[in-house]
């Protein structure tokens, strides 16, 4: 009897020891790498249909994970989307609704509201959630969410490299004169340098869980490319192509190379299969720097070209390699997904506007919501295809745009008319009415700020001077 007990105890111990590696693996926390491009258009990656740009590393990331064909940015310009990504809240709810500090036309019919030009410390960012969970956190790249008192260190990041209040770098070549980034040698390329810093952070953090937020400056202006890649794309240009800007193409490839270096660093550190990698853009591609066709216009626009962006998610063991999702998703969903799937914290997320993408990533269901909203009570008249104050709702395949200046309502069926060429407002008055009512109700629900009439508006004068005739506006981002 005693021998039998000893044998059973030995067997039990062997089973326990055999299961230890699996147990440890199960308990090991996931790492997260969140890469945000600046002004990268929906069609700018090879895997999204570019006929010029070469992006082998991002293409491979898509082959390992899921590519989203209907991903949207929270806003048509950068700062609001960045705030939404970090907090999971609509820009309208945050009252961060324009690029900081924004710009006004000379004779606006409407005055913009008193909006918030920084990310308040009271907003709990995803970085703060990670830090509280024992993660090492870093923001490496563009910040653009307020001055020094609102820098990444105030929002849960242990490390801030290159993040300031500025919208763009003075130069992509050293000296780049960024106060939070050590100066490089003459001729060093900024996108490469940010990759250096990201690789070093991964190497230094690979033994414990880490959250790396890598918001590249690329491919925002100034359009400056490495000479080797510029020569390559000058030789590659062809007539009839959608993409014909060799310098921009070279910047896209530099961005892709930096992503490849980050992915290789994960593999070298032995954490590739324990890391969630997300890649997306803060708004649509800038016209005429790039071409977003078949989408209408680009950055700063109320149309699809302003807010539809590339999105790739690689979640080993969760996403089916090479999978494609055609469901409409938005920036805040990434916050919710990281929070719920990686952290699984018990906190009640108050006013979180994102949904967990887990059902889509697993290919096992749909999201609960069927509507997305945009609120932009500002002017972006100085960019081609730019817009005046507007709001929008997408419900299923229907999209309604309301222009605040004159109350115009435009209605499109995105499923049938991705280029938004046919305004169906007069043909479907009931749908127009219903969507507008829901848009108004949503604005009330998130306490959205609205523009107000300008008492000094002169109807005899234009609201703004066209870009080509206004040198002052050429300096705007």
Protein backbone atom coordinates (compact mmCIF):
# COMPACT_ATOMS: atom_id res chain seq x y z
CA UNK A 1 0.00 0.00 0.00
CA UNK A 2 2.80 2.34 0.96
CA UNK A 3 4.69 1.55 -2.26
CA UNK A 4 1.56 2.32 -4.25
CA UNK A 5 1.28 5.72 -2.58
CA UNK A 6 4.90 6.49 -3.37
CA UNK A 7 4.41 5.47 -7.00
CA UNK A 8 1.30 7.64 -7.30
CA UNK A 9 3.12 10.58 -5.74
CA UNK A 10 6.04 10.20 -8.14
CA UNK A 11 3.66 10.00 -11.11
CA UNK A 12 1.78 13.08 -9.92
CA UNK A 13 5.04 14.99 -9.49
CA UNK A 14 6.16 13.97 -12.99
CA UNK A 15 2.87 15.14 -14.47
CA UNK A 16 3.15 18.44 -12.60
CA UNK A 17 6.74 19.01 -13.73
CA UNK A 18 5.83 18.11 -17.29
CA UNK A 19 3.11 20.73 -17.22
CA UNK A 20 5.28 23.47 -15.74
CA UNK A 21 6.55 24.88 -19.07
CA UNK A 22 3.01 25.10 -20.40
CA UNK A 23 1.85 26.68 -17.16
CA UNK A 24 4.64 29.24 -17.25
CA UNK A 25 3.94 29.99 -20.89
CA UNK A 26 0.26 30.45 -20.14
CA UNK A 27 1.03 32.85 -17.31
CA UNK A 28 3.58 34.84 -19.28
CA UNK A 29 2.26 38.26 -20.21
CA UNK A 30 1.95 39.35 -23.80
CA UNK A 31 4.06 42.18 -25.18
CA UNK A 32 2.49 44.81 -27.42
CA UNK A 33 4.00 46.81 -30.27
CA UNK A 34 1.74 49.56 -31.60
CA UNK A 35 3.10 51.26 -34.73
CA UNK A 36 1.38 54.41 -35.99
CA UNK A 37 2.27 55.96 -39.34
CA UNK A 38 1.56 59.63 -40.02
CA UNK A 39 -0.52 60.57 -43.10
CA UNK A 40 -0.18 57.10 -44.65
CA UNK A 41 -2.96 56.56 -47.16
CA UNK A 42 -5.26 53.55 -47.48
CA UNK A 43 -3.61 52.41 -50.72
CA UNK A 44 0.00 53.23 -49.81
CA UNK A 45 1.12 49.70 -48.93
CA UNK A 46 1.75 47.02 -51.51
CA UNK A 47 -0.60 44.64 -49.68
CA UNK A 48 -3.32 47.31 -49.90
CA UNK A 49 -2.87 47.82 -53.63
CA UNK A 50 -0.06 50.31 -54.28
CA UNK A 51 1.33 50.03 -57.80
CA UNK A 52 4.67 51.66 -56.92
CA UNK A 53 5.52 51.37 -53.24
CA UNK A 54 7.41 48.31 -52.01
CA UNK A 55 6.53 47.24 -48.47
CA UNK A 56 7.72 43.62 -48.06
CA UNK A 57 7.89 43.71 -44.26
CA UNK A 58 4.37 45.01 -43.80
CA UNK A 59 3.17 42.62 -46.48
CA UNK A 60 4.69 39.76 -44.48
CA UNK A 61 3.09 41.08 -41.30
CA UNK A 62 -0.27 40.92 -43.10
CA UNK A 63 0.50 37.35 -44.16
CA UNK A 64 1.06 36.44 -40.52
CA UNK A 65 -2.01 38.25 -39.25
CA UNK A 66 -5.17 40.02 -40.37
CA UNK A 67 -5.57 42.87 -42.84
CA UNK A 68 -8.59 45.17 -42.34
CA UNK A 69 -10.01 46.66 -45.54
CA UNK A 70 -12.45 49.06 -43.85
CA UNK A 71 -10.44 50.51 -40.99
CA UNK A 72 -11.07 54.15 -40.10
CA UNK A 73 -9.16 56.80 -38.21
CA UNK A 74 -11.03 58.65 -35.49
CA UNK A 75 -10.44 61.95 -37.28
CA UNK A 76 -9.34 63.32 -40.61
CA UNK A 77 -6.25 64.91 -38.99
CA UNK A 78 -3.62 63.68 -36.56
CA UNK A 79 -3.88 64.92 -32.94
CA UNK A 80 -7.50 63.84 -32.37
CA UNK A 81 -6.78 60.33 -33.67
CA UNK A 82 -3.72 60.01 -31.44
CA UNK A 83 -5.76 61.03 -28.41
CA UNK A 84 -8.49 58.55 -29.36
CA UNK A 85 -5.95 55.76 -29.81
CA UNK A 86 -4.47 56.31 -26.35
CA UNK A 87 -7.77 56.76 -24.46
CA UNK A 88 -10.36 54.76 -26.40
CA UNK A 89 -12.63 57.80 -26.65
CA UNK A 90 -14.07 59.68 -29.59
CA UNK A 91 -12.27 63.00 -30.19
CA UNK A 92 -15.64 64.73 -29.75
CA UNK A 93 -15.94 63.30 -26.24
CA UNK A 94 -12.40 64.46 -25.42
CA UNK A 95 -12.95 67.87 -27.05
CA UNK A 96 -9.64 67.30 -28.87
CA UNK A 97 -11.00 67.79 -32.35
CA UNK A 98 -8.27 69.31 -34.54
CA UNK A 99 -4.54 69.07 -35.12
CA UNK A 100 -2.86 71.12 -32.42
CA UNK A 101 -3.03 74.13 -32.47
CA UNK A 102 -5.21 74.23 -35.60
CA UNK A 103 -5.83 77.13 -38.00
CA UNK A 104 -8.66 79.44 -38.98
CA UNK A 105 -9.57 81.05 -42.31
CA UNK A 106 -9.50 84.83 -42.57
CA UNK A 107 -13.27 85.29 -42.83
CA UNK A 108 -15.00 82.24 -41.34
CA UNK A 109 -18.76 81.99 -41.32
CA UNK A 110 -18.47 79.84 -38.20
CA UNK A 111 -16.08 80.14 -35.26
CA UNK A 112 -14.60 76.95 -33.90
CA UNK A 113 -15.47 76.02 -30.30
CA UNK A 114 -13.08 76.45 -27.38
CA UNK A 115 -11.56 72.99 -27.84
CA UNK A 116 -8.80 71.31 -25.81
CA UNK A 117 -5.28 71.61 -27.23
CA UNK A 118 -3.60 68.92 -25.10
CA UNK A 119 -4.27 65.48 -23.65
CA UNK A 120 -5.24 66.08 -19.99
CA UNK A 121 -3.42 64.10 -17.31
CA UNK A 122 -6.84 63.09 -15.99
CA UNK A 123 -7.36 60.89 -19.05
CA UNK A 124 -6.14 57.35 -18.35
CA UNK A 125 -4.17 56.17 -21.34
CA UNK A 126 -3.51 52.60 -22.44
CA UNK A 127 0.12 53.17 -21.43
CA UNK A 128 -0.96 53.85 -17.86
CA UNK A 129 -2.96 50.61 -17.83
CA UNK A 130 0.10 48.73 -19.04
CA UNK A 131 2.37 50.41 -16.51
CA UNK A 132 0.02 49.51 -13.66
CA UNK A 133 0.12 45.91 -14.88
CA UNK A 134 3.91 45.81 -14.53
CA UNK A 135 4.85 46.59 -18.11
CA UNK A 136 7.81 48.66 -19.22
CA UNK A 137 6.41 51.35 -21.52
CA UNK A 138 7.94 53.55 -24.22
CA UNK A 139 6.76 56.18 -26.67
CA UNK A 140 9.27 56.56 -29.50
CA UNK A 141 8.34 59.13 -32.12
CA UNK A 142 5.76 61.84 -32.69
CA UNK A 143 3.58 62.90 -29.73
CA UNK A 144 1.78 66.15 -30.72
CA UNK A 145 -0.66 66.16 -27.79
CA UNK A 146 0.40 69.24 -25.88
CA UNK A 147 3.42 70.93 -24.37
CA UNK A 148 5.99 69.56 -21.94
CA UNK A 149 3.56 69.27 -19.05
CA UNK A 150 1.54 66.83 -21.19
CA UNK A 151 4.41 64.79 -22.62
CA UNK A 152 4.34 60.94 -22.65
CA UNK A 153 5.96 60.68 -19.20
CA UNK A 154 2.83 62.30 -17.78
CA UNK A 155 0.66 59.62 -19.38
CA UNK A 156 2.17 56.34 -18.24
CA UNK A 157 5.26 56.06 -20.43
CA UNK A 158 8.59 55.26 -18.79
CA UNK A 159 10.45 56.40 -21.88
CA UNK A 160 9.85 59.32 -24.24
CA UNK A 161 12.12 59.53 -27.25
CA UNK A 162 11.44 62.21 -29.91
CA UNK A 163 8.01 63.13 -28.57
CA UNK A 164 7.24 66.87 -28.35
CA UNK A 165 4.34 69.21 -29.09
CA UNK A 166 5.41 69.58 -32.73
CA UNK A 167 3.40 68.23 -35.67
CA UNK A 168 6.37 67.35 -37.85
CA UNK A 169 10.17 67.22 -37.74
CA UNK A 170 12.18 70.21 -38.99
CA UNK A 171 14.07 67.72 -41.13
CA UNK A 172 14.28 63.96 -41.64
CA UNK A 173 18.04 64.31 -41.90
CA UNK A 174 20.28 65.18 -38.96
CA UNK A 175 20.58 67.68 -37.52
CA UNK A 176 16.85 67.22 -36.88
CA UNK A 177 16.74 69.52 -33.83
CA UNK A 178 14.21 67.54 -31.79
CA UNK A 179 14.63 68.40 -28.12
CA UNK A 180 13.75 64.93 -26.81
CA UNK A 181 15.96 63.02 -29.26
CA UNK A 182 19.75 62.99 -29.08
CA UNK A 183 21.17 64.61 -32.20
CA UNK A 184 22.45 62.35 -34.95
CA UNK A 185 25.43 62.61 -37.23
CA UNK A 186 25.04 64.77 -40.32
CA UNK A 187 22.97 62.86 -42.84
CA UNK A 188 21.44 60.33 -40.40
CA UNK A 189 17.85 59.54 -41.36
CA UNK A 190 15.14 60.06 -38.73
CA UNK A 191 12.99 57.03 -39.61
CA UNK A 192 16.07 54.81 -39.31
CA UNK A 193 16.99 56.42 -36.00
CA UNK A 194 13.57 55.76 -34.49
CA UNK A 195 13.96 52.13 -35.54
CA UNK A 196 17.33 52.06 -33.76
CA UNK A 197 15.70 53.30 -30.58
CA UNK A 198 12.81 50.84 -30.86
CA UNK A 199 15.16 47.88 -31.37
CA UNK A 200 17.21 48.92 -28.34
CA UNK A 201 14.08 49.19 -26.21
CA UNK A 202 13.00 45.67 -27.23
CA UNK A 203 16.45 44.28 -26.46
CA UNK A 204 16.49 45.95 -23.05
CA UNK A 205 12.93 44.90 -22.20
CA UNK A 206 12.62 41.39 -23.62
CA UNK A 207 12.82 39.62 -20.23
CA UNK A 208 9.69 41.32 -18.94
CA UNK A 209 6.44 42.43 -20.53
CA UNK A 210 6.66 45.65 -22.50
CA UNK A 211 4.44 48.05 -24.41
CA UNK A 212 6.12 49.86 -27.29
CA UNK A 213 4.24 52.75 -28.89
CA UNK A 214 6.08 53.69 -32.08
CA UNK A 215 4.37 56.70 -33.71
CA UNK A 216 6.59 57.46 -36.71
CA UNK A 217 6.84 60.95 -38.18
CA UNK A 218 6.85 59.32 -41.61
CA UNK A 219 5.29 59.88 -44.04
CA UNK A 220 4.32 63.41 -42.97
CA UNK A 221 5.92 66.40 -44.65
CA UNK A 222 8.62 67.48 -45.27
CA UNK A 223 8.90 64.93 -48.08
CA UNK A 224 12.56 63.96 -47.75
CA UNK A 225 13.95 60.59 -48.77
CA UNK A 226 17.22 58.70 -48.57
CA UNK A 227 19.19 59.06 -51.81
CA UNK A 228 19.51 55.31 -52.42
CA UNK A 229 15.76 54.74 -52.26
CA UNK A 230 14.98 57.92 -54.17
CA UNK A 231 17.14 56.73 -57.07
CA UNK A 232 15.39 53.35 -56.97
CA UNK A 233 11.92 54.85 -57.33
CA UNK A 234 12.95 57.41 -59.94
CA UNK A 235 13.97 54.46 -62.06
CA UNK A 236 10.77 52.59 -61.27
CA UNK A 237 8.25 55.28 -62.30
CA UNK A 238 5.83 54.41 -65.08
CA UNK A 239 3.03 56.19 -66.89
CA UNK A 240 -0.54 55.46 -65.88
CA UNK A 241 0.30 54.43 -62.31
CA UNK A 242 -1.71 55.74 -59.37
CA UNK A 243 1.42 56.38 -57.33
CA UNK A 244 3.96 58.59 -59.07
CA UNK A 245 5.87 60.39 -56.28
CA UNK A 246 9.36 58.81 -56.00
CA UNK A 247 10.37 60.70 -52.83
CA UNK A 248 7.17 59.72 -51.06
CA UNK A 249 7.57 56.11 -52.24
CA UNK A 250 11.08 56.09 -50.79
CA UNK A 251 9.76 57.39 -47.47
CA UNK A 252 7.16 54.61 -47.42
CA UNK A 253 9.87 52.00 -47.98
CA UNK A 254 12.00 53.50 -45.20
CA UNK A 255 8.97 53.18 -42.92
CA UNK A 256 8.57 49.57 -44.02
CA UNK A 257 12.24 48.86 -43.36
CA UNK A 258 11.89 50.22 -39.83
CA UNK A 259 8.94 47.89 -39.24
CA UNK A 260 11.05 45.00 -40.50
CA UNK A 261 13.82 45.83 -38.05
CA UNK A 262 11.35 45.89 -35.16
CA UNK A 263 9.91 42.52 -36.19
CA UNK A 264 13.40 41.05 -36.51
CA UNK A 265 14.25 42.37 -33.05
CA UNK A 266 11.22 40.58 -31.60
CA UNK A 267 12.34 37.36 -33.26
CA UNK A 268 15.95 37.73 -32.09
CA UNK A 269 14.76 38.35 -28.53
CA UNK A 270 12.64 35.18 -28.64
CA UNK A 271 9.36 37.03 -28.05
CA UNK A 272 7.91 37.06 -31.57
CA UNK A 273 5.20 34.53 -30.67
CA UNK A 274 4.37 36.37 -27.46
CA UNK A 275 3.85 39.81 -28.98
CA UNK A 276 0.76 41.50 -30.39
CA UNK A 277 1.76 43.80 -33.28
CA UNK A 278 -0.58 46.50 -34.60
CA UNK A 279 0.14 48.79 -37.54
CA UNK A 280 -2.11 51.63 -38.73
CA UNK A 281 -2.20 55.34 -39.71
CA UNK A 282 -3.56 58.46 -37.99
CA UNK A 283 -5.54 59.70 -41.01
CA UNK A 284 -5.79 59.35 -44.77
CA UNK A 285 -3.02 60.11 -47.21
CA UNK A 286 -2.25 63.73 -48.03
CA UNK A 287 -3.24 64.93 -51.50
CA UNK A 288 -1.42 65.48 -53.85
CA UNK A 289 1.56 63.90 -52.08
CA UNK A 290 -0.04 60.49 -52.60
CA UNK A 291 -3.09 59.09 -54.39
CA UNK A 292 -5.94 57.44 -52.48
CA UNK A 293 -8.05 56.39 -55.48
CA UNK A 294 -10.68 55.05 -55.64
CA UNK A 295 -11.32 56.96 -52.40
CA UNK A 296 -12.40 60.58 -52.65
CA UNK A 297 -9.77 63.14 -51.65
CA UNK A 298 -7.53 62.56 -48.62
CA UNK A 299 -6.25 63.98 -45.34
CA UNK A 300 -8.40 66.83 -44.00
CA UNK A 301 -11.41 65.74 -46.05
CA UNK A 302 -14.85 64.66 -44.89
CA UNK A 303 -14.81 61.85 -47.44
CA UNK A 304 -13.37 58.32 -47.33
CA UNK A 305 -9.91 59.42 -48.40
CA UNK A 306 -9.61 61.46 -45.22
CA UNK A 307 -10.41 58.72 -42.73
CA UNK A 308 -9.98 55.27 -44.28
CA UNK A 309 -6.57 53.88 -43.35
CA UNK A 310 -4.54 50.67 -43.55
CA UNK A 311 -4.72 48.40 -40.49
CA UNK A 312 -2.79 45.17 -39.88
CA UNK A 313 -3.03 43.14 -36.68
CA UNK A 314 -0.78 40.16 -35.97
CA UNK A 315 -1.77 38.24 -32.85
CA UNK A 316 0.02 34.84 -32.84
CA UNK A 317 -2.34 31.99 -32.04
CA UNK A 318 -5.39 34.24 -32.39
CA UNK A 319 -5.39 35.67 -35.91
CA UNK A 320 -5.45 33.26 -38.82
CA UNK A 321 -2.40 33.92 -41.02
CA UNK A 322 -3.26 35.84 -44.17
CA UNK A 323 -6.82 36.57 -43.08
CA UNK A 324 -8.79 39.59 -44.29
CA UNK A 325 -11.59 41.41 -42.47
CA UNK A 326 -14.07 43.61 -44.33
CA UNK A 327 -15.93 44.86 -41.25
CA UNK A 328 -15.81 48.58 -40.43
CA UNK A 329 -13.56 49.30 -37.43
CA UNK A 330 -12.14 52.50 -35.95
CA UNK A 331 -9.16 53.77 -33.95
CA UNK A 332 -10.75 53.40 -30.49
CA UNK A 333 -11.24 49.67 -31.09
CA UNK A 334 -7.48 49.20 -30.82
CA UNK A 335 -7.46 50.64 -27.30
CA UNK A 336 -10.34 48.38 -26.25
CA UNK A 337 -8.72 45.31 -27.80
CA UNK A 338 -5.40 45.88 -26.03
CA UNK A 339 -7.18 46.55 -22.76
CA UNK A 340 -9.53 43.57 -22.84
CA UNK A 341 -7.44 40.91 -24.58
CA UNK A 342 -3.97 41.68 -23.26
CA UNK A 343 -4.55 43.28 -19.87
CA UNK A 344 -7.92 41.82 -18.93
CA UNK A 345 -8.06 44.39 -16.12
CA UNK A 346 -11.21 44.60 -14.01
CA UNK A 347 -11.52 48.37 -14.42
CA UNK A 348 -14.83 49.62 -15.69
CA UNK A 349 -14.00 51.58 -18.82
CA UNK A 350 -16.09 54.71 -18.49
CA UNK A 351 -17.12 56.29 -21.77
CA UNK A 352 -14.93 53.96 -23.83
CA UNK A 353 -16.10 54.20 -27.43
CA UNK A 354 -14.17 51.26 -28.82
CA UNK A 355 -15.13 47.61 -29.17
CA UNK A 356 -12.94 44.58 -28.57
CA UNK A 357 -11.92 43.22 -31.98
CA UNK A 358 -11.53 39.68 -30.60
CA UNK A 359 -14.52 38.22 -32.52
CA UNK A 360 -13.13 39.58 -35.78
CA UNK A 361 -9.54 38.57 -35.03
CA UNK A 362 -10.67 35.02 -34.31
CA UNK A 363 -13.00 34.97 -37.30
CA UNK A 364 -15.80 33.86 -35.02
CA UNK A 365 -18.32 36.68 -34.99
CA UNK A 366 -19.24 40.31 -35.53
CA UNK A 367 -19.06 43.48 -33.48
CA UNK A 368 -22.12 44.64 -31.56
CA UNK A 369 -22.25 48.12 -33.06
CA UNK A 370 -23.21 49.03 -36.57
CA UNK A 371 -22.39 52.74 -36.61
CA UNK A 372 -19.34 54.98 -36.60
CA UNK A 373 -19.22 58.75 -36.11
CA UNK A 374 -16.96 61.69 -36.91
CA UNK A 375 -17.09 65.24 -35.60
CA UNK A 376 -14.87 67.97 -37.00
CA UNK A 377 -16.05 71.51 -36.09
CA UNK A 378 -12.97 73.03 -37.75
CA UNK A 379 -11.61 74.30 -41.07
CA UNK A 380 -9.11 72.48 -43.25
CA UNK A 381 -9.43 74.63 -46.32
CA UNK A 382 -5.72 74.94 -47.07
CA UNK A 383 -5.26 71.34 -48.23
CA UNK A 384 -6.52 70.00 -51.54
CA UNK A 385 -9.87 68.36 -50.91
CA UNK A 386 -9.99 69.84 -47.42
CA UNK A 387 -13.20 70.57 -45.61
CA UNK A 388 -15.14 73.12 -43.64
CA UNK A 389 -16.81 72.12 -40.31
CA UNK A 390 -18.70 68.84 -40.60
CA UNK A 391 -20.08 65.79 -38.86
CA UNK A 392 -20.62 62.29 -40.28
CA UNK A 393 -22.14 58.92 -39.51
CA UNK A 394 -21.61 55.58 -41.16
CA UNK A 395 -24.39 53.04 -40.55
CA UNK A 396 -23.95 49.78 -42.37
CA UNK A 397 -23.14 50.77 -45.95
CA UNK A 398 -24.81 54.17 -45.61
CA UNK A 399 -22.79 57.29 -44.88
CA UNK A 400 -24.26 60.72 -44.13
CA UNK A 401 -22.18 63.91 -44.03
CA UNK A 402 -23.51 67.14 -42.52
CA UNK A 403 -21.72 70.38 -43.37
CA UNK A 404 -22.33 72.89 -40.60
CA UNK A 405 -21.76 76.05 -42.66
CA UNK A 406 -24.99 75.71 -44.61
CA UNK A 407 -26.63 72.57 -43.20
CA UNK A 408 -26.06 70.57 -46.40
CA UNK A 409 -26.59 66.82 -46.01
CA UNK A 410 -24.92 64.34 -48.36
CA UNK A 411 -25.78 60.64 -48.43
CA UNK A 412 -23.70 57.85 -49.96
CA UNK A 413 -23.88 54.08 -50.18
CA UNK A 414 -20.26 53.14 -49.52
CA UNK A 415 -20.82 49.48 -50.41
CA UNK A 416 -21.89 50.41 -53.93
CA UNK A 417 -20.08 53.73 -54.32
CA UNK A 418 -16.74 53.68 -52.54
CA UNK A 419 -15.68 56.82 -54.44
CA UNK A 420 -18.67 58.79 -53.05
CA UNK A 421 -19.63 60.08 -56.49
CA UNK A 422 -23.42 59.75 -56.17
CA UNK A 423 -25.11 61.88 -53.53
CA UNK A 424 -28.35 59.98 -52.79
CA UNK A 425 -29.80 62.45 -50.28
CA UNK A 426 -32.71 63.44 -52.51
CA UNK A 427 -33.48 59.85 -53.50
CA UNK A 428 -33.65 58.45 -49.97
CA UNK A 429 -35.11 61.21 -47.76
CA UNK A 430 -36.15 58.83 -44.98
CA UNK A 431 -32.70 57.31 -44.64
CA UNK A 432 -31.21 60.81 -44.70
CA UNK A 433 -33.60 61.90 -41.94
CA UNK A 434 -32.99 58.84 -39.76
CA UNK A 435 -29.22 59.04 -40.01
CA UNK A 436 -29.20 62.75 -39.30
CA UNK A 437 -31.33 62.23 -36.19
CA UNK A 438 -28.91 59.57 -34.94
CA UNK A 439 -25.94 61.81 -35.67
CA UNK A 440 -27.51 64.66 -33.68
CA UNK A 441 -28.37 62.30 -30.82
CA UNK A 442 -24.81 60.96 -30.76
CA UNK A 443 -23.39 64.49 -30.59
CA UNK A 444 -25.57 65.20 -27.58
CA UNK A 445 -24.52 61.93 -25.97
CA UNK A 446 -20.80 62.69 -26.16
CA UNK A 447 -21.23 66.40 -25.39
CA UNK A 448 -19.71 67.40 -28.71
CA UNK A 449 -18.77 71.05 -29.15
CA UNK A 450 -20.33 72.87 -32.08
CA UNK A 451 -19.04 75.86 -34.04
CA UNK A 452 -20.87 79.14 -33.54
CA UNK A 453 -21.82 81.97 -35.93
CA UNK A 454 -19.11 84.56 -36.45
CA UNK A 455 -20.55 88.05 -35.78
CA UNK A 456 -17.75 89.56 -37.89
CA UNK A 457 -18.34 87.34 -40.91
CA UNK A 458 -18.55 89.35 -44.13
CA UNK A 459 -20.71 87.50 -46.71
CA UNK A 460 -19.32 89.74 -49.44
CA UNK A 461 -15.87 88.23 -48.98
CA UNK A 462 -14.77 84.60 -49.39
CA UNK A 463 -14.28 82.62 -46.20
CA UNK A 464 -10.76 81.72 -47.19
CA UNK A 465 -8.19 82.43 -49.87
CA UNK A 466 -7.39 79.39 -52.04
CA UNK A 467 -4.06 77.78 -51.21
CA UNK A 468 -2.36 78.78 -54.46
CA UNK A 469 -3.11 82.44 -53.76
CA UNK A 470 -2.29 82.44 -50.06
CA UNK A 471 1.43 81.96 -49.26
CA UNK A 472 0.65 82.21 -45.52
CA UNK A 473 -1.42 79.04 -45.64
CA UNK A 474 1.28 77.07 -47.44
CA UNK A 475 3.09 76.79 -44.14
CA UNK A 476 0.22 74.94 -42.50
CA UNK A 477 0.47 71.18 -41.96
